[in-house]
Amino acid sequence: HGAAPDIAGQNVANPSALAVSTAMLLDWLGRRSGNNVLVEAAAATERAVDTLLADSATHTPDLGGRLGTEAFGEALATRIGAN
């Protein structure tokens, strides 16, 4: 894997791996510092990604869907806020 320059700027990348990596970082930081807010933010992010990936209406093109990178990110932010 790399930076995917072939799809740069096309709004077709799937940002779920980035979101899950961010959740892992938040969880690690939260557990290391004893900050439960960070741990819960990590859990909310993971739940949101799982919810989006379970619904074909929120899939990105690589998964056979029509949702662009930006729209997936917006849907993810909305789901995180709902958790």
C-alpha atoms as a PDB file:
ATOM      1  CA  HIS A   1       0.000   0.000   0.000  1.00  0.00           C
ATOM      2  CA  GLY A   2       1.073   3.517  -0.591  1.00  0.00           C
ATOM      3  CA  ALA A   3      -0.264   7.007  -0.955  1.00  0.00           C
ATOM      4  CA  ALA A   4      -2.514   6.008  -3.896  1.00  0.00           C
ATOM      5  CA  PRO A   5      -1.520   8.877  -6.190  1.00  0.00           C
ATOM      6  CA  ASP A   6      -3.614   7.287  -8.946  1.00  0.00           C
ATOM      7  CA  ILE A   7      -6.823   8.248  -7.098  1.00  0.00           C
ATOM      8  CA  ALA A   8      -5.663  11.466  -5.458  1.00  0.00           C
ATOM      9  CA  GLY A   9      -8.253  14.213  -5.632  1.00  0.00           C
ATOM     10  CA  GLN A  10     -10.939  11.943  -7.083  1.00  0.00           C
ATOM     11  CA  ASN A  11     -13.021  11.576  -3.881  1.00  0.00           C
ATOM     12  CA  VAL A  12     -13.019   7.773  -4.179  1.00  0.00           C
ATOM     13  CA  ALA A  13     -10.666   6.676  -1.381  1.00  0.00           C
ATOM     14  CA  ASN A  14     -12.020   4.649   1.512  1.00  0.00           C
ATOM     15  CA  PRO A  15     -10.990   6.472   4.722  1.00  0.00           C
ATOM     16  CA  SER A  16     -12.108   3.716   7.100  1.00  0.00           C
ATOM     17  CA  ALA A  17      -8.564   2.430   7.753  1.00  0.00           C
ATOM     18  CA  LEU A  18      -7.453   5.940   8.675  1.00  0.00           C
ATOM     19  CA  ALA A  19     -10.398   6.280  11.053  1.00  0.00           C
ATOM     20  CA  VAL A  20      -9.674   2.932  12.714  1.00  0.00           C
ATOM     21  CA  SER A  21      -5.965   3.811  13.019  1.00  0.00           C
ATOM     22  CA  THR A  22      -6.958   7.069  14.680  1.00  0.00           C
ATOM     23  CA  ALA A  23      -9.214   5.138  17.061  1.00  0.00           C
ATOM     24  CA  MET A  24      -6.315   2.865  17.953  1.00  0.00           C
ATOM     25  CA  LEU A  25      -4.136   5.889  18.711  1.00  0.00           C
ATOM     26  CA  LEU A  26      -6.847   7.492  20.855  1.00  0.00           C
ATOM     27  CA  ASP A  27      -7.333   4.237  22.761  1.00  0.00           C
ATOM     28  CA  TRP A  28      -3.611   3.875  23.388  1.00  0.00           C
ATOM     29  CA  LEU A  29      -3.242   7.483  24.510  1.00  0.00           C
ATOM     30  CA  GLY A  30      -6.318   7.225  26.715  1.00  0.00           C
ATOM     31  CA  ARG A  31      -5.224   4.015  28.422  1.00  0.00           C
ATOM     32  CA  ARG A  32      -1.676   5.251  28.871  1.00  0.00           C
ATOM     33  CA  SER A  33      -2.783   8.534  30.441  1.00  0.00           C
ATOM     34  CA  GLY A  34      -5.864   7.207  32.226  1.00  0.00           C
ATOM     35  CA  ASN A  35      -8.082   9.519  30.152  1.00  0.00           C
ATOM     36  CA  ASN A  36     -11.375   7.694  29.690  1.00  0.00           C
ATOM     37  CA  VAL A  37     -12.678  10.406  27.356  1.00  0.00           C
ATOM     38  CA  LEU A  38     -10.076   9.350  24.789  1.00  0.00           C
ATOM     39  CA  VAL A  39     -10.870   5.664  25.312  1.00  0.00           C
ATOM     40  CA  GLU A  40     -14.573   6.337  24.741  1.00  0.00           C
ATOM     41  CA  ALA A  41     -13.809   8.468  21.682  1.00  0.00           C
ATOM     42  CA  ALA A  42     -11.871   5.523  20.281  1.00  0.00           C
ATOM     43  CA  ALA A  43     -14.749   3.148  20.958  1.00  0.00           C
ATOM     44  CA  ALA A  44     -17.265   5.562  19.401  1.00  0.00           C
ATOM     45  CA  THR A  45     -15.090   5.844  16.294  1.00  0.00           C
ATOM     46  CA  GLU A  46     -14.805   2.082  15.930  1.00  0.00           C
ATOM     47  CA  ARG A  47     -18.566   1.637  16.386  1.00  0.00           C
ATOM     48  CA  ALA A  48     -19.234   4.310  13.780  1.00  0.00           C
ATOM     49  CA  VAL A  49     -16.918   2.695  11.232  1.00  0.00           C
ATOM     50  CA  ASP A  50     -18.493  -0.712  11.889  1.00  0.00           C
ATOM     51  CA  THR A  51     -21.966   0.755  11.392  1.00  0.00           C
ATOM     52  CA  LEU A  52     -21.031   2.428   8.115  1.00  0.00           C
ATOM     53  CA  LEU A  53     -19.297  -0.647   6.735  1.00  0.00           C
ATOM     54  CA  ALA A  54     -22.292  -2.834   7.638  1.00  0.00           C
ATOM     55  CA  ASP A  55     -24.600  -0.724   5.454  1.00  0.00           C
ATOM     56  CA  SER A  56     -24.123  -0.976   1.687  1.00  0.00           C
ATOM     57  CA  ALA A  57     -25.615   2.516   1.305  1.00  0.00           C
ATOM     58  CA  THR A  58     -22.511   3.963   2.957  1.00  0.00           C
ATOM     59  CA  HIS A  59     -19.898   1.999   1.054  1.00  0.00           C
ATOM     60  CA  THR A  60     -17.181   3.706  -0.943  1.00  0.00           C
ATOM     61  CA  PRO A  61     -16.460   2.682  -4.569  1.00  0.00           C
ATOM     62  CA  ASP A  62     -13.814   0.107  -3.582  1.00  0.00           C
ATOM     63  CA  LEU A  63     -16.587  -1.771  -1.754  1.00  0.00           C
ATOM     64  CA  GLY A  64     -19.068  -1.431  -4.599  1.00  0.00           C
ATOM     65  CA  GLY A  65     -20.752   1.670  -3.227  1.00  0.00           C
ATOM     66  CA  ARG A  66     -21.282   5.194  -4.407  1.00  0.00           C
ATOM     67  CA  LEU A  67     -20.301   7.219  -1.352  1.00  0.00           C
ATOM     68  CA  GLY A  68     -17.260   9.401  -1.920  1.00  0.00           C
ATOM     69  CA  THR A  69     -14.468   9.980   0.553  1.00  0.00           C
ATOM     70  CA  GLU A  70     -15.898  13.288   1.743  1.00  0.00           C
ATOM     71  CA  ALA A  71     -19.419  11.939   2.173  1.00  0.00           C
ATOM     72  CA  PHE A  72     -18.092   8.902   4.057  1.00  0.00           C
ATOM     73  CA  GLY A  73     -16.171  11.222   6.365  1.00  0.00           C
ATOM     74  CA  GLU A  74     -19.270  13.313   6.979  1.00  0.00           C
ATOM     75  CA  ALA A  75     -21.332  10.208   7.682  1.00  0.00           C
ATOM     76  CA  LEU A  76     -18.620   8.988  10.038  1.00  0.00           C
ATOM     77  CA  ALA A  77     -18.560  12.279  11.945  1.00  0.00           C
ATOM     78  CA  THR A  78     -22.349  12.187  12.252  1.00  0.00           C
ATOM     79  CA  ARG A  79     -22.269   8.604  13.569  1.00  0.00           C
ATOM     80  CA  ILE A  80     -19.501   9.394  16.051  1.00  0.00           C
ATOM     81  CA  GLY A  81     -21.583  12.281  17.348  1.00  0.00           C
ATOM     82  CA  ALA A  82     -24.578   9.969  17.693  1.00  0.00           C
ATOM     83  CA  ASN A  83     -22.661   7.436  19.794  1.00  0.00           C
END
